[in-house]
Amino acid sequence: MSDYALNQVLYAKAREHKMIESIGADEVAGYDLSAEERAALADGDLDALFRLGANPYLIRRVFRRRFAL
């Protein structure tokens, strides 16, 4: 369990070019994530993702709807 797997998930989602609110359990099934990381992705908890080591650029790319003005 490292921030590498978390960033892999975010990178894969960013490549889809979709604005999403959360990432479901079925979408992260093949990744070695902790329960806390899975919960942060499922809730779309941006603060928790950052605290867990997610790349800020990837967070913004994946959850960009939350950053719209």
C-alpha atoms as a PDB file:
ATOM      1  CA  MET A   1       0.000   0.000   0.000  1.00  0.00           C
ATOM      2  CA  SER A   2       1.670   3.124  -1.200  1.00  0.00           C
ATOM      3  CA  ASP A   3       0.801   6.351  -2.853  1.00  0.00           C
ATOM      4  CA  TYR A   4       2.034   4.767  -6.091  1.00  0.00           C
ATOM      5  CA  ALA A   5      -1.082   2.582  -6.403  1.00  0.00           C
ATOM      6  CA  LEU A   6      -3.293   5.527  -5.507  1.00  0.00           C
ATOM      7  CA  ASN A   7      -1.684   7.628  -8.222  1.00  0.00           C
ATOM      8  CA  GLN A   8      -2.016   4.757 -10.702  1.00  0.00           C
ATOM      9  CA  VAL A   9      -5.782   4.782 -10.152  1.00  0.00           C
ATOM     10  CA  LEU A  10      -5.982   8.543 -10.574  1.00  0.00           C
ATOM     11  CA  TYR A  11      -3.785   8.457 -13.681  1.00  0.00           C
ATOM     12  CA  ALA A  12      -5.983   5.805 -15.283  1.00  0.00           C
ATOM     13  CA  LYS A  13      -9.112   7.840 -14.535  1.00  0.00           C
ATOM     14  CA  ALA A  14      -7.505  11.061 -15.790  1.00  0.00           C
ATOM     15  CA  ARG A  15      -6.792   9.388 -19.135  1.00  0.00           C
ATOM     16  CA  GLU A  16     -10.528   8.767 -19.576  1.00  0.00           C
ATOM     17  CA  HIS A  17     -11.138  12.551 -19.739  1.00  0.00           C
ATOM     18  CA  LYS A  18     -14.389  12.333 -17.776  1.00  0.00           C
ATOM     19  CA  MET A  19     -15.541  14.515 -14.926  1.00  0.00           C
ATOM     20  CA  ILE A  20     -16.467  12.262 -12.021  1.00  0.00           C
ATOM     21  CA  GLU A  21     -17.528  12.637  -8.406  1.00  0.00           C
ATOM     22  CA  SER A  22     -16.101   9.375  -7.050  1.00  0.00           C
ATOM     23  CA  ILE A  23     -14.351   6.158  -8.002  1.00  0.00           C
ATOM     24  CA  GLY A  24     -16.216   2.992  -7.126  1.00  0.00           C
ATOM     25  CA  ALA A  25     -14.928  -0.227  -5.609  1.00  0.00           C
ATOM     26  CA  ASP A  26     -15.300  -2.117  -8.884  1.00  0.00           C
ATOM     27  CA  GLU A  27     -12.982   0.389 -10.600  1.00  0.00           C
ATOM     28  CA  VAL A  28     -10.154  -0.126  -8.087  1.00  0.00           C
ATOM     29  CA  ALA A  29     -10.451  -3.897  -7.719  1.00  0.00           C
ATOM     30  CA  GLY A  30      -7.052  -4.652  -9.238  1.00  0.00           C
ATOM     31  CA  TYR A  31      -5.061  -2.109  -7.223  1.00  0.00           C
ATOM     32  CA  ASP A  32      -3.237  -2.615  -3.929  1.00  0.00           C
ATOM     33  CA  LEU A  33      -4.988   0.106  -1.920  1.00  0.00           C
ATOM     34  CA  SER A  34      -5.620   0.479   1.779  1.00  0.00           C
ATOM     35  CA  ALA A  35      -9.151   0.709   3.128  1.00  0.00           C
ATOM     36  CA  GLU A  36      -8.578   4.415   3.776  1.00  0.00           C
ATOM     37  CA  GLU A  37      -7.480   5.010   0.175  1.00  0.00           C
ATOM     38  CA  ARG A  38     -10.494   3.107  -1.159  1.00  0.00           C
ATOM     39  CA  ALA A  39     -12.816   5.125   1.077  1.00  0.00           C
ATOM     40  CA  ALA A  40     -11.261   8.432  -0.037  1.00  0.00           C
ATOM     41  CA  LEU A  41     -11.731   7.495  -3.695  1.00  0.00           C
ATOM     42  CA  ALA A  42     -15.287   6.282  -3.129  1.00  0.00           C
ATOM     43  CA  ASP A  43     -16.201   9.472  -1.249  1.00  0.00           C
ATOM     44  CA  GLY A  44     -14.276  11.756  -3.581  1.00  0.00           C
ATOM     45  CA  ASP A  45     -12.583  13.188  -0.480  1.00  0.00           C
ATOM     46  CA  LEU A  46      -9.996  15.524  -1.967  1.00  0.00           C
ATOM     47  CA  ASP A  47      -8.349  16.423   1.347  1.00  0.00           C
ATOM     48  CA  ALA A  48      -7.909  12.773   2.297  1.00  0.00           C
ATOM     49  CA  LEU A  49      -6.507  11.935  -1.138  1.00  0.00           C
ATOM     50  CA  PHE A  50      -3.931  14.713  -0.823  1.00  0.00           C
ATOM     51  CA  ARG A  51      -3.049  13.632   2.722  1.00  0.00           C
ATOM     52  CA  LEU A  52      -2.618  10.035   1.531  1.00  0.00           C
ATOM     53  CA  GLY A  53      -0.062  11.117  -1.069  1.00  0.00           C
ATOM     54  CA  ALA A  54      -2.101  11.531  -4.233  1.00  0.00           C
ATOM     55  CA  ASN A  55      -0.566  13.839  -6.796  1.00  0.00           C
ATOM     56  CA  PRO A  56      -2.384  17.226  -6.661  1.00  0.00           C
ATOM     57  CA  TYR A  57      -2.346  17.496 -10.461  1.00  0.00           C
ATOM     58  CA  LEU A  58      -4.067  14.119 -10.814  1.00  0.00           C
ATOM     59  CA  ILE A  59      -6.604  14.974  -8.122  1.00  0.00           C
ATOM     60  CA  ARG A  60      -7.519  18.112 -10.036  1.00  0.00           C
ATOM     61  CA  ARG A  61      -7.678  16.306 -13.387  1.00  0.00           C
ATOM     62  CA  VAL A  62      -9.956  13.561 -12.103  1.00  0.00           C
ATOM     63  CA  PHE A  63     -12.191  15.638  -9.842  1.00  0.00           C
ATOM     64  CA  ARG A  64     -12.089  18.859 -11.887  1.00  0.00           C
ATOM     65  CA  ARG A  65     -15.822  19.405 -11.611  1.00  0.00           C
ATOM     66  CA  ARG A  66     -15.266  20.334  -7.956  1.00  0.00           C
ATOM     67  CA  PHE A  67     -12.775  23.005  -8.968  1.00  0.00           C
ATOM     68  CA  ALA A  68     -15.052  24.740 -11.497  1.00  0.00           C
ATOM     69  CA  LEU A  69     -15.705  28.377 -10.777  1.00  0.00           C
END
